[in-house]
Amino acid sequence: MSGEFELIEAITAELPTNDRVTLGAGDDAAALRLEGEAVVSTDVLVENVHFKRAWSSAHDVGRKSVAVNVSDIEAMGAIPVAVVVALAFPKDLDRQWVLDFAAGVKQECATANVALVGGDLSSSSIIVVNVTALGDLAGRRPVTRAGARPGDIVAVRGSLGWSAAGLVALSRGFRSPKDVVRAALCPDVPYGQGVVAAEAGATAMMDVSDGLIQDLGHLARRSGVAIDVRSDTLEVADPMQRVGAATGKDPLGFVLDGGEDYALVATFPRPADVPCGWRVVGEVREGAGVTVDGEPYEAHGWDHLA
């Protein structure tokens, strides 16, 4: 491993940027030009908790670290603007791993159209990544989890269950089906759709990181409503069915409980308000909690401290 400053110089070459960055990496802090209120979110990815080097390449980890953070900005109905990335790693880690990680970060930033404006390096016994993402509401109010009302339509944009199926496959030593394994290693975030939903009049929104039912439970509690999901509207794709058949698991469970797909789920006042490409999956009702086909459902989504 080369020295810290030589490594920083290599990482910061040709950083992704955009027209909102007035001062990029190289000083003690970056400067951004925003049109409205700023939104900010941060996430930590810890080796052997959020990724395993035996499964994920450094490039995968770099991409995922950006994707999961920018997804939070999308979920607020904001325009993603910039990220800062802090990386801690063992001193004996191969230098190429860090460079490949940085390349993955840059690729996902370019895909999400966000600038990489700085970060930090440190040593650690395991790899730890912390990313902070910034967004611009551009004069709109944030779309929170607290705005759903009875009669609203629940809709999803993005994949559900693919990452969970991929994780089960990897845990059993499989590297296929390739589509679900790829989803487990790096999510396919529906970039740009948070603003689309906000402009369409979404009353509440969040990303699906811990499982559809569990996350809808958070939204229902914050909004003081009940939500019913219709299972016949949910896509259980062939790769998930194959994983379920091979492992004895119900593939619908991947869709209902699987997290880390980072789809967006939102509520809209009327069916006509649901944007093109979003899938209607349920409705908001009076009451509390989340049901599936009108029946109680015990969520088995992710809980870091469980």
C-alpha atoms as a PDB file:
ATOM      1  CA  MET A   1       0.000   0.000   0.000  1.00  0.00           C
ATOM      2  CA  SER A   2       1.359   3.445  -0.904  1.00  0.00           C
ATOM      3  CA  GLY A   3       1.157   6.449   1.399  1.00  0.00           C
ATOM      4  CA  GLU A   4      -2.104   8.199   2.192  1.00  0.00           C
ATOM      5  CA  PHE A   5      -1.474  11.339   0.166  1.00  0.00           C
ATOM      6  CA  GLU A   6      -0.281   9.460  -2.922  1.00  0.00           C
ATOM      7  CA  LEU A   7      -3.393   7.325  -2.730  1.00  0.00           C
ATOM      8  CA  ILE A   8      -5.654  10.356  -2.327  1.00  0.00           C
ATOM      9  CA  GLU A   9      -4.049  11.920  -5.389  1.00  0.00           C
ATOM     10  CA  ALA A  10      -4.733   8.783  -7.415  1.00  0.00           C
ATOM     11  CA  ILE A  11      -8.337   8.562  -6.206  1.00  0.00           C
ATOM     12  CA  THR A  12      -9.182  12.214  -6.835  1.00  0.00           C
ATOM     13  CA  ALA A  13      -8.048  12.241 -10.449  1.00  0.00           C
ATOM     14  CA  GLU A  14     -10.947  13.077 -12.798  1.00  0.00           C
ATOM     15  CA  LEU A  15     -13.741  13.170 -10.231  1.00  0.00           C
ATOM     16  CA  PRO A  16     -17.363  13.202 -11.457  1.00  0.00           C
ATOM     17  CA  THR A  17     -18.812  16.700 -11.154  1.00  0.00           C
ATOM     18  CA  ASN A  18     -21.808  18.789 -12.211  1.00  0.00           C
ATOM     19  CA  ASP A  19     -22.800  22.433 -12.582  1.00  0.00           C
ATOM     20  CA  ARG A  20     -23.834  22.752  -8.921  1.00  0.00           C
ATOM     21  CA  VAL A  21     -20.238  22.292  -7.710  1.00  0.00           C
ATOM     22  CA  THR A  22     -18.473  25.638  -7.317  1.00  0.00           C
ATOM     23  CA  LEU A  23     -15.497  24.202  -5.429  1.00  0.00           C
ATOM     24  CA  GLY A  24     -14.643  20.529  -5.597  1.00  0.00           C
ATOM     25  CA  ALA A  25     -12.144  18.275  -3.847  1.00  0.00           C
ATOM     26  CA  GLY A  26      -8.764  19.675  -2.818  1.00  0.00           C
ATOM     27  CA  ASP A  27      -9.662  22.046   0.021  1.00  0.00           C
ATOM     28  CA  ASP A  28     -10.923  21.429   3.550  1.00  0.00           C
ATOM     29  CA  ALA A  29     -14.503  21.351   2.250  1.00  0.00           C
ATOM     30  CA  ALA A  30     -16.384  21.600  -1.010  1.00  0.00           C
ATOM     31  CA  ALA A  31     -18.842  24.314  -2.044  1.00  0.00           C
ATOM     32  CA  LEU A  32     -22.157  23.748  -3.813  1.00  0.00           C
ATOM     33  CA  ARG A  33     -24.766  26.000  -5.406  1.00  0.00           C
ATOM     34  CA  LEU A  34     -28.329  24.920  -4.563  1.00  0.00           C
ATOM     35  CA  GLU A  35     -31.669  26.270  -5.774  1.00  0.00           C
ATOM     36  CA  GLY A  36     -33.672  25.379  -2.660  1.00  0.00           C
ATOM     37  CA  GLU A  37     -33.482  23.575   0.645  1.00  0.00           C
ATOM     38  CA  ALA A  38     -30.771  20.951   0.990  1.00  0.00           C
ATOM     39  CA  VAL A  39     -31.437  17.374   2.053  1.00  0.00           C
ATOM     40  CA  VAL A  40     -28.702  15.202   3.521  1.00  0.00           C
ATOM     41  CA  SER A  41     -28.374  11.507   4.322  1.00  0.00           C
ATOM     42  CA  THR A  42     -25.580   9.190   5.406  1.00  0.00           C
ATOM     43  CA  ASP A  43     -25.010   5.431   5.503  1.00  0.00           C
ATOM     44  CA  VAL A  44     -22.281   3.108   6.741  1.00  0.00           C
ATOM     45  CA  LEU A  45     -21.285  -0.085   4.938  1.00  0.00           C
ATOM     46  CA  VAL A  46     -19.330  -2.505   7.116  1.00  0.00           C
ATOM     47  CA  GLU A  47     -17.381  -5.485   5.831  1.00  0.00           C
ATOM     48  CA  ASN A  48     -19.072  -8.824   6.643  1.00  0.00           C
ATOM     49  CA  VAL A  49     -22.300  -6.995   7.485  1.00  0.00           C
ATOM     50  CA  HIS A  50     -23.181  -5.214   4.237  1.00  0.00           C
ATOM     51  CA  PHE A  51     -20.728  -6.952   1.931  1.00  0.00           C
ATOM     52  CA  LYS A  52     -18.229  -9.793   1.857  1.00  0.00           C
ATOM     53  CA  ARG A  53     -15.014  -9.604  -0.119  1.00  0.00           C
ATOM     54  CA  ALA A  54     -15.490 -13.259  -1.049  1.00  0.00           C
ATOM     55  CA  TRP A  55     -18.657 -12.246  -2.923  1.00  0.00           C
ATOM     56  CA  SER A  56     -18.220  -8.585  -3.884  1.00  0.00           C
ATOM     57  CA  SER A  57     -15.459  -7.011  -5.914  1.00  0.00           C
ATOM     58  CA  ALA A  58     -14.046  -3.675  -4.776  1.00  0.00           C
ATOM     59  CA  HIS A  59     -15.812  -2.119  -7.759  1.00  0.00           C
ATOM     60  CA  ASP A  60     -19.145  -3.586  -6.568  1.00  0.00           C
ATOM     61  CA  VAL A  61     -18.627  -2.148  -3.074  1.00  0.00           C
ATOM     62  CA  GLY A  62     -17.809   1.279  -4.487  1.00  0.00           C
ATOM     63  CA  ARG A  63     -20.920   1.324  -6.643  1.00  0.00           C
ATOM     64  CA  LYS A  64     -23.160   0.051  -3.839  1.00  0.00           C
ATOM     65  CA  SER A  65     -21.867   2.624  -1.335  1.00  0.00           C
ATOM     66  CA  VAL A  66     -23.026   5.441  -3.600  1.00  0.00           C
ATOM     67  CA  ALA A  67     -26.262   3.802  -4.726  1.00  0.00           C
ATOM     68  CA  VAL A  68     -27.679   3.144  -1.257  1.00  0.00           C
ATOM     69  CA  ASN A  69     -27.059   6.743  -0.206  1.00  0.00           C
ATOM     70  CA  VAL A  70     -28.339   8.493  -3.303  1.00  0.00           C
ATOM     71  CA  SER A  71     -31.471   6.345  -3.015  1.00  0.00           C
ATOM     72  CA  ASP A  72     -32.290   8.187   0.223  1.00  0.00           C
ATOM     73  CA  ILE A  73     -32.095  11.516  -1.586  1.00  0.00           C
ATOM     74  CA  GLU A  74     -34.397  10.192  -4.312  1.00  0.00           C
ATOM     75  CA  ALA A  75     -36.837   9.078  -1.610  1.00  0.00           C
ATOM     76  CA  MET A  76     -37.225  12.672  -0.428  1.00  0.00           C
ATOM     77  CA  GLY A  77     -38.151  13.877  -3.909  1.00  0.00           C
ATOM     78  CA  ALA A  78     -34.899  15.811  -4.205  1.00  0.00           C
ATOM     79  CA  ILE A  79     -32.336  16.137  -6.977  1.00  0.00           C
ATOM     80  CA  PRO A  80     -29.165  14.259  -5.970  1.00  0.00           C
ATOM     81  CA  VAL A  81     -26.236  16.673  -6.147  1.00  0.00           C
ATOM     82  CA  ALA A  82     -23.075  15.404  -4.456  1.00  0.00           C
ATOM     83  CA  VAL A  83     -21.504  12.770  -2.217  1.00  0.00           C
ATOM     84  CA  VAL A  84     -18.510  12.610   0.078  1.00  0.00           C
ATOM     85  CA  VAL A  85     -16.934   9.219   0.756  1.00  0.00           C
ATOM     86  CA  ALA A  86     -14.909   8.118   3.786  1.00  0.00           C
ATOM     87  CA  LEU A  87     -13.060   4.805   3.609  1.00  0.00           C
ATOM     88  CA  ALA A  88     -11.258   2.967   6.420  1.00  0.00           C
ATOM     89  CA  PHE A  89      -9.337  -0.229   5.645  1.00  0.00           C
ATOM     90  CA  PRO A  90      -6.559  -2.507   6.925  1.00  0.00           C
ATOM     91  CA  LYS A  91      -3.049  -1.222   6.305  1.00  0.00           C
ATOM     92  CA  ASP A  92      -2.122  -4.399   4.454  1.00  0.00           C
ATOM     93  CA  LEU A  93      -5.033  -4.142   2.000  1.00  0.00           C
ATOM     94  CA  ASP A  94      -3.869  -4.289  -1.595  1.00  0.00           C
ATOM     95  CA  ARG A  95      -3.638  -0.836  -3.156  1.00  0.00           C
ATOM     96  CA  GLN A  96      -5.511  -2.048  -6.226  1.00  0.00           C
ATOM     97  CA  TRP A  97      -8.572  -2.853  -4.080  1.00  0.00           C
ATOM     98  CA  VAL A  98      -8.790   0.805  -3.059  1.00  0.00           C
ATOM     99  CA  LEU A  99      -8.343   2.010  -6.640  1.00  0.00           C
ATOM    100  CA  ASP A 100     -11.000  -0.417  -7.892  1.00  0.00           C
ATOM    101  CA  PHE A 101     -13.319   0.749  -5.104  1.00  0.00           C
ATOM    102  CA  ALA A 102     -12.763   4.361  -6.197  1.00  0.00           C
ATOM    103  CA  ALA A 103     -13.503   3.422  -9.807  1.00  0.00           C
ATOM    104  CA  GLY A 104     -16.813   1.887  -8.711  1.00  0.00           C
ATOM    105  CA  VAL A 105     -17.668   5.030  -6.740  1.00  0.00           C
ATOM    106  CA  LYS A 106     -16.952   7.187  -9.777  1.00  0.00           C
ATOM    107  CA  GLN A 107     -18.994   4.982 -12.098  1.00  0.00           C
ATOM    108  CA  GLU A 108     -22.078   5.061  -9.858  1.00  0.00           C
ATOM    109  CA  CYS A 109     -21.712   8.818  -9.354  1.00  0.00           C
ATOM    110  CA  ALA A 110     -21.749   9.252 -13.119  1.00  0.00           C
ATOM    111  CA  THR A 111     -24.815   7.000 -13.415  1.00  0.00           C
ATOM    112  CA  ALA A 112     -26.640   8.912 -10.669  1.00  0.00           C
ATOM    113  CA  ASN A 113     -25.419  12.276 -12.014  1.00  0.00           C
ATOM    114  CA  VAL A 114     -23.915  13.285  -8.681  1.00  0.00           C
ATOM    115  CA  ALA A 115     -20.557  14.911  -8.021  1.00  0.00           C
ATOM    116  CA  LEU A 116     -17.892  13.306  -5.848  1.00  0.00           C
ATOM    117  CA  VAL A 117     -16.618  16.301  -3.906  1.00  0.00           C
ATOM    118  CA  GLY A 118     -14.396  14.851  -1.185  1.00  0.00           C
ATOM    119  CA  GLY A 119     -13.955  12.335   1.585  1.00  0.00           C
ATOM    120  CA  ASP A 120     -11.392  10.807   3.912  1.00  0.00           C
ATOM    121  CA  LEU A 121      -9.111   7.787   4.324  1.00  0.00           C
ATOM    122  CA  SER A 122      -8.197   6.023   7.548  1.00  0.00           C
ATOM    123  CA  SER A 123      -6.979   2.659   8.834  1.00  0.00           C
ATOM    124  CA  SER A 124      -9.186  -0.001  10.399  1.00  0.00           C
ATOM    125  CA  SER A 125      -9.132  -3.725  11.164  1.00  0.00           C
ATOM    126  CA  ILE A 126     -11.918  -4.231   8.590  1.00  0.00           C
ATOM    127  CA  ILE A 127     -13.200  -2.229   5.644  1.00  0.00           C
ATOM    128  CA  VAL A 128     -15.734   0.444   6.602  1.00  0.00           C
ATOM    129  CA  VAL A 129     -17.302   2.863   4.135  1.00  0.00           C
ATOM    130  CA  ASN A 130     -19.272   5.953   5.086  1.00  0.00           C
ATOM    131  CA  VAL A 131     -20.975   8.027   2.406  1.00  0.00           C
ATOM    132  CA  THR A 132     -22.878  11.264   2.911  1.00  0.00           C
ATOM    133  CA  ALA A 133     -25.169  12.364   0.094  1.00  0.00           C
ATOM    134  CA  LEU A 134     -26.585  15.827  -0.525  1.00  0.00           C
ATOM    135  CA  GLY A 135     -29.626  16.788  -2.559  1.00  0.00           C
ATOM    136  CA  ASP A 136     -31.491  19.898  -3.710  1.00  0.00           C
ATOM    137  CA  LEU A 137     -35.261  20.252  -3.343  1.00  0.00           C
ATOM    138  CA  ALA A 138     -35.251  23.053  -5.945  1.00  0.00           C
ATOM    139  CA  GLY A 139     -38.113  24.931  -4.318  1.00  0.00           C
ATOM    140  CA  ARG A 140     -40.291  21.896  -3.518  1.00  0.00           C
ATOM    141  CA  ARG A 141     -41.124  20.567  -0.084  1.00  0.00           C
ATOM    142  CA  PRO A 142     -39.591  17.217   0.864  1.00  0.00           C
ATOM    143  CA  VAL A 143     -41.793  14.161   0.372  1.00  0.00           C
ATOM    144  CA  THR A 144     -41.755  12.477   3.770  1.00  0.00           C
ATOM    145  CA  ARG A 145     -43.154   9.241   5.184  1.00  0.00           C
ATOM    146  CA  ALA A 146     -45.895  11.144   7.001  1.00  0.00           C
ATOM    147  CA  GLY A 147     -48.214  12.318   4.222  1.00  0.00           C
ATOM    148  CA  ALA A 148     -50.213   9.235   3.179  1.00  0.00           C
ATOM    149  CA  ARG A 149     -53.984   9.504   3.555  1.00  0.00           C
ATOM    150  CA  PRO A 150     -56.828   6.949   3.345  1.00  0.00           C
ATOM    151  CA  GLY A 151     -57.819   6.454  -0.270  1.00  0.00           C
ATOM    152  CA  ASP A 152     -54.284   7.024  -1.602  1.00  0.00           C
ATOM    153  CA  ILE A 153     -52.792   4.571  -4.079  1.00  0.00           C
ATOM    154  CA  VAL A 154     -49.554   2.722  -3.201  1.00  0.00           C
ATOM    155  CA  ALA A 155     -47.097   2.301  -6.085  1.00  0.00           C
ATOM    156  CA  VAL A 156     -43.546   1.063  -6.549  1.00  0.00           C
ATOM    157  CA  ARG A 157     -40.805   1.917  -9.013  1.00  0.00           C
ATOM    158  CA  GLY A 158     -37.851  -0.449  -9.238  1.00  0.00           C
ATOM    159  CA  SER A 159     -37.149  -4.097  -8.454  1.00  0.00           C
ATOM    160  CA  LEU A 160     -38.377  -6.014  -5.408  1.00  0.00           C
ATOM    161  CA  GLY A 161     -37.011  -9.320  -4.141  1.00  0.00           C
ATOM    162  CA  TRP A 162     -34.081  -9.642  -6.533  1.00  0.00           C
ATOM    163  CA  SER A 163     -31.409  -8.767  -3.980  1.00  0.00           C
ATOM    164  CA  ALA A 164     -32.909 -11.083  -1.340  1.00  0.00           C
ATOM    165  CA  ALA A 165     -32.988 -13.972  -3.788  1.00  0.00           C
ATOM    166  CA  GLY A 166     -29.404 -13.241  -4.765  1.00  0.00           C
ATOM    167  CA  LEU A 167     -28.300 -13.193  -1.138  1.00  0.00           C
ATOM    168  CA  VAL A 168     -29.902 -16.593  -0.545  1.00  0.00           C
ATOM    169  CA  ALA A 169     -28.145 -17.948  -3.634  1.00  0.00           C
ATOM    170  CA  LEU A 170     -24.777 -16.581  -2.516  1.00  0.00           C
ATOM    171  CA  SER A 171     -25.289 -17.910   1.003  1.00  0.00           C
ATOM    172  CA  ARG A 172     -25.775 -21.398  -0.453  1.00  0.00           C
ATOM    173  CA  GLY A 173     -22.571 -21.099  -2.486  1.00  0.00           C
ATOM    174  CA  PHE A 174     -24.318 -20.384  -5.824  1.00  0.00           C
ATOM    175  CA  ARG A 175     -23.267 -17.650  -8.262  1.00  0.00           C
ATOM    176  CA  SER A 176     -26.460 -17.924 -10.291  1.00  0.00           C
ATOM    177  CA  PRO A 177     -29.042 -16.966 -11.400  1.00  0.00           C
ATOM    178  CA  LYS A 178     -26.744 -14.142 -12.452  1.00  0.00           C
ATOM    179  CA  ASP A 179     -29.438 -11.438 -12.460  1.00  0.00           C
ATOM    180  CA  VAL A 180     -30.357 -11.890  -8.799  1.00  0.00           C
ATOM    181  CA  VAL A 181     -26.738 -12.323  -7.700  1.00  0.00           C
ATOM    182  CA  ARG A 182     -25.865  -9.088  -9.494  1.00  0.00           C
ATOM    183  CA  ALA A 183     -28.738  -7.344  -7.689  1.00  0.00           C
ATOM    184  CA  ALA A 184     -27.443  -8.572  -4.320  1.00  0.00           C
ATOM    185  CA  LEU A 185     -23.978  -7.176  -5.022  1.00  0.00           C
ATOM    186  CA  CYS A 186     -25.133  -3.763  -6.270  1.00  0.00           C
ATOM    187  CA  PRO A 187     -28.695  -2.395  -6.436  1.00  0.00           C
ATOM    188  CA  ASP A 188     -30.237  -0.884  -9.553  1.00  0.00           C
ATOM    189  CA  VAL A 189     -31.633   2.370  -8.143  1.00  0.00           C
ATOM    190  CA  PRO A 190     -34.389   4.058 -10.207  1.00  0.00           C
ATOM    191  CA  TYR A 191     -32.476   7.329 -10.450  1.00  0.00           C
ATOM    192  CA  GLY A 192     -34.564  10.380 -11.296  1.00  0.00           C
ATOM    193  CA  GLN A 193     -37.846   8.804 -10.237  1.00  0.00           C
ATOM    194  CA  GLY A 194     -37.951  10.530  -6.854  1.00  0.00           C
ATOM    195  CA  VAL A 195     -38.382  13.889  -8.559  1.00  0.00           C
ATOM    196  CA  VAL A 196     -40.875  12.348 -11.001  1.00  0.00           C
ATOM    197  CA  ALA A 197     -42.979  11.126  -8.066  1.00  0.00           C
ATOM    198  CA  ALA A 198     -42.729  14.451  -6.249  1.00  0.00           C
ATOM    199  CA  GLU A 199     -43.822  16.382  -9.318  1.00  0.00           C
ATOM    200  CA  ALA A 200     -46.709  13.942  -9.804  1.00  0.00           C
ATOM    201  CA  GLY A 201     -48.006  14.803  -6.329  1.00  0.00           C
ATOM    202  CA  ALA A 202     -46.736  11.922  -4.206  1.00  0.00           C
ATOM    203  CA  THR A 203     -48.098  12.311  -0.679  1.00  0.00           C
ATOM    204  CA  ALA A 204     -45.498  10.076   1.000  1.00  0.00           C
ATOM    205  CA  MET A 205     -42.424   8.196  -0.170  1.00  0.00           C
ATOM    206  CA  MET A 206     -39.445   6.134   0.958  1.00  0.00           C
ATOM    207  CA  ASP A 207     -36.948   3.693  -0.483  1.00  0.00           C
ATOM    208  CA  VAL A 208     -37.248  -0.036   0.128  1.00  0.00           C
ATOM    209  CA  SER A 209     -34.072  -0.940   1.986  1.00  0.00           C
ATOM    210  CA  ASP A 210     -35.352  -3.253   4.750  1.00  0.00           C
ATOM    211  CA  GLY A 211     -38.186  -5.060   2.951  1.00  0.00           C
ATOM    212  CA  LEU A 212     -41.425  -3.866   1.337  1.00  0.00           C
ATOM    213  CA  ILE A 213     -43.769  -4.789   4.189  1.00  0.00           C
ATOM    214  CA  GLN A 214     -41.439  -3.604   6.943  1.00  0.00           C
ATOM    215  CA  ASP A 215     -40.767  -0.296   5.196  1.00  0.00           C
ATOM    216  CA  LEU A 216     -44.449   0.253   4.428  1.00  0.00           C
ATOM    217  CA  GLY A 217     -44.995  -0.336   8.141  1.00  0.00           C
ATOM    218  CA  HIS A 218     -42.712   2.626   8.877  1.00  0.00           C
ATOM    219  CA  LEU A 219     -44.639   4.756   6.397  1.00  0.00           C
ATOM    220  CA  ALA A 220     -48.010   3.662   7.784  1.00  0.00           C
ATOM    221  CA  ARG A 221     -46.975   4.487  11.362  1.00  0.00           C
ATOM    222  CA  ARG A 222     -45.632   7.905  10.428  1.00  0.00           C
ATOM    223  CA  SER A 223     -48.785   8.688   8.449  1.00  0.00           C
ATOM    224  CA  GLY A 224     -51.225   7.199  10.982  1.00  0.00           C
ATOM    225  CA  VAL A 225     -52.868   4.956   8.404  1.00  0.00           C
ATOM    226  CA  ALA A 226     -53.226   1.313   7.352  1.00  0.00           C
ATOM    227  CA  ILE A 227     -51.885  -0.069   4.080  1.00  0.00           C
ATOM    228  CA  ASP A 228     -53.042  -3.153   2.204  1.00  0.00           C
ATOM    229  CA  VAL A 229     -50.797  -4.755  -0.406  1.00  0.00           C
ATOM    230  CA  ARG A 230     -52.272  -6.936  -3.150  1.00  0.00           C
ATOM    231  CA  SER A 231     -50.032  -9.919  -3.806  1.00  0.00           C
ATOM    232  CA  ASP A 232     -51.368 -10.411  -7.339  1.00  0.00           C
ATOM    233  CA  THR A 233     -49.815  -7.091  -8.368  1.00  0.00           C
ATOM    234  CA  LEU A 234     -46.310  -8.135  -7.324  1.00  0.00           C
ATOM    235  CA  GLU A 235     -43.904  -9.542  -9.875  1.00  0.00           C
ATOM    236  CA  VAL A 236     -42.213 -12.793  -8.839  1.00  0.00           C
ATOM    237  CA  ALA A 237     -39.687 -13.098 -11.640  1.00  0.00           C
ATOM    238  CA  ASP A 238     -38.399 -16.417 -12.953  1.00  0.00           C
ATOM    239  CA  PRO A 239     -34.931 -16.120 -11.345  1.00  0.00           C
ATOM    240  CA  MET A 240     -36.564 -15.690  -7.924  1.00  0.00           C
ATOM    241  CA  GLN A 241     -38.788 -18.689  -8.549  1.00  0.00           C
ATOM    242  CA  ARG A 242     -35.726 -20.766  -9.448  1.00  0.00           C
ATOM    243  CA  VAL A 243     -33.923 -19.747  -6.256  1.00  0.00           C
ATOM    244  CA  GLY A 244     -37.041 -20.551  -4.243  1.00  0.00           C
ATOM    245  CA  ALA A 245     -37.349 -23.989  -5.848  1.00  0.00           C
ATOM    246  CA  ALA A 246     -33.665 -24.750  -5.226  1.00  0.00           C
ATOM    247  CA  THR A 247     -33.677 -23.631  -1.591  1.00  0.00           C
ATOM    248  CA  GLY A 248     -37.197 -24.444  -0.403  1.00  0.00           C
ATOM    249  CA  LYS A 249     -38.091 -20.797   0.155  1.00  0.00           C
ATOM    250  CA  ASP A 250     -41.308 -19.055  -0.899  1.00  0.00           C
ATOM    251  CA  PRO A 251     -40.288 -16.678  -3.725  1.00  0.00           C
ATOM    252  CA  LEU A 252     -43.108 -14.284  -2.799  1.00  0.00           C
ATOM    253  CA  GLY A 253     -41.298 -13.853   0.517  1.00  0.00           C
ATOM    254  CA  PHE A 254     -38.313 -12.405  -1.351  1.00  0.00           C
ATOM    255  CA  VAL A 255     -40.615  -9.685  -2.714  1.00  0.00           C
ATOM    256  CA  LEU A 256     -42.476  -8.961   0.525  1.00  0.00           C
ATOM    257  CA  ASP A 257     -39.566  -9.173   2.961  1.00  0.00           C
ATOM    258  CA  GLY A 258     -36.395  -8.791   0.926  1.00  0.00           C
ATOM    259  CA  GLY A 259     -34.463  -5.575   1.343  1.00  0.00           C
ATOM    260  CA  GLU A 260     -31.575  -3.841  -0.392  1.00  0.00           C
ATOM    261  CA  ASP A 261     -33.230  -3.478  -3.787  1.00  0.00           C
ATOM    262  CA  TYR A 262     -33.628   0.255  -3.107  1.00  0.00           C
ATOM    263  CA  ALA A 263     -36.816   0.565  -5.096  1.00  0.00           C
ATOM    264  CA  LEU A 264     -39.021   3.557  -4.348  1.00  0.00           C
ATOM    265  CA  VAL A 265     -42.478   3.151  -2.838  1.00  0.00           C
ATOM    266  CA  ALA A 266     -44.855   6.110  -2.750  1.00  0.00           C
ATOM    267  CA  THR A 267     -48.491   7.009  -2.233  1.00  0.00           C
ATOM    268  CA  PHE A 268     -50.521   9.083  -4.673  1.00  0.00           C
ATOM    269  CA  PRO A 269     -53.988  10.668  -4.321  1.00  0.00           C
ATOM    270  CA  ARG A 270     -55.523   9.032  -7.418  1.00  0.00           C
ATOM    271  CA  PRO A 271     -54.677   6.278  -9.897  1.00  0.00           C
ATOM    272  CA  ALA A 272     -54.309   8.944 -12.565  1.00  0.00           C
ATOM    273  CA  ASP A 273     -51.505  10.545 -10.545  1.00  0.00           C
ATOM    274  CA  VAL A 274     -49.300   7.443 -10.592  1.00  0.00           C
ATOM    275  CA  PRO A 275     -46.411   8.151 -12.990  1.00  0.00           C
ATOM    276  CA  CYS A 276     -45.763   6.006 -16.041  1.00  0.00           C
ATOM    277  CA  GLY A 277     -43.586   3.024 -15.207  1.00  0.00           C
ATOM    278  CA  TRP A 278     -44.693   2.797 -11.577  1.00  0.00           C
ATOM    279  CA  ARG A 279     -46.521  -0.372 -10.486  1.00  0.00           C
ATOM    280  CA  VAL A 280     -49.666  -0.012  -8.345  1.00  0.00           C
ATOM    281  CA  VAL A 281     -49.383  -2.537  -5.496  1.00  0.00           C
ATOM    282  CA  GLY A 282     -51.985  -1.522  -2.927  1.00  0.00           C
ATOM    283  CA  GLU A 283     -53.979   1.184  -1.216  1.00  0.00           C
ATOM    284  CA  VAL A 284     -54.047   3.280   1.937  1.00  0.00           C
ATOM    285  CA  ARG A 285     -56.914   2.697   4.364  1.00  0.00           C
ATOM    286  CA  GLU A 286     -58.175   3.867   7.721  1.00  0.00           C
ATOM    287  CA  GLY A 287     -56.564   2.119  10.657  1.00  0.00           C
ATOM    288  CA  ALA A 288     -53.031   0.956  11.403  1.00  0.00           C
ATOM    289  CA  GLY A 289     -50.499  -1.579  10.179  1.00  0.00           C
ATOM    290  CA  VAL A 290     -49.851  -3.351   6.899  1.00  0.00           C
ATOM    291  CA  THR A 291     -51.853  -6.261   5.529  1.00  0.00           C
ATOM    292  CA  VAL A 292     -51.424  -8.472   2.463  1.00  0.00           C
ATOM    293  CA  ASP A 293     -54.644  -9.263   0.603  1.00  0.00           C
ATOM    294  CA  GLY A 294     -56.525  -7.973   3.644  1.00  0.00           C
ATOM    295  CA  GLU A 295     -54.851 -10.397   6.041  1.00  0.00           C
ATOM    296  CA  PRO A 296     -52.251  -9.649   8.745  1.00  0.00           C
ATOM    297  CA  TYR A 297     -48.671 -10.292   7.663  1.00  0.00           C
ATOM    298  CA  GLU A 298     -45.698 -10.616   9.977  1.00  0.00           C
ATOM    299  CA  ALA A 299     -42.805  -8.816   8.344  1.00  0.00           C
ATOM    300  CA  HIS A 300     -39.389 -10.446   8.363  1.00  0.00           C
ATOM    301  CA  GLY A 301     -37.387  -7.535   6.978  1.00  0.00           C
ATOM    302  CA  TRP A 302     -33.889  -6.505   7.967  1.00  0.00           C
ATOM    303  CA  ASP A 303     -33.062  -5.157  11.451  1.00  0.00           C
ATOM    304  CA  HIS A 304     -29.398  -4.423  12.152  1.00  0.00           C
ATOM    305  CA  LEU A 305     -29.795  -4.811  15.904  1.00  0.00           C
ATOM    306  CA  ALA A 306     -32.114  -7.824  15.952  1.00  0.00           C
END
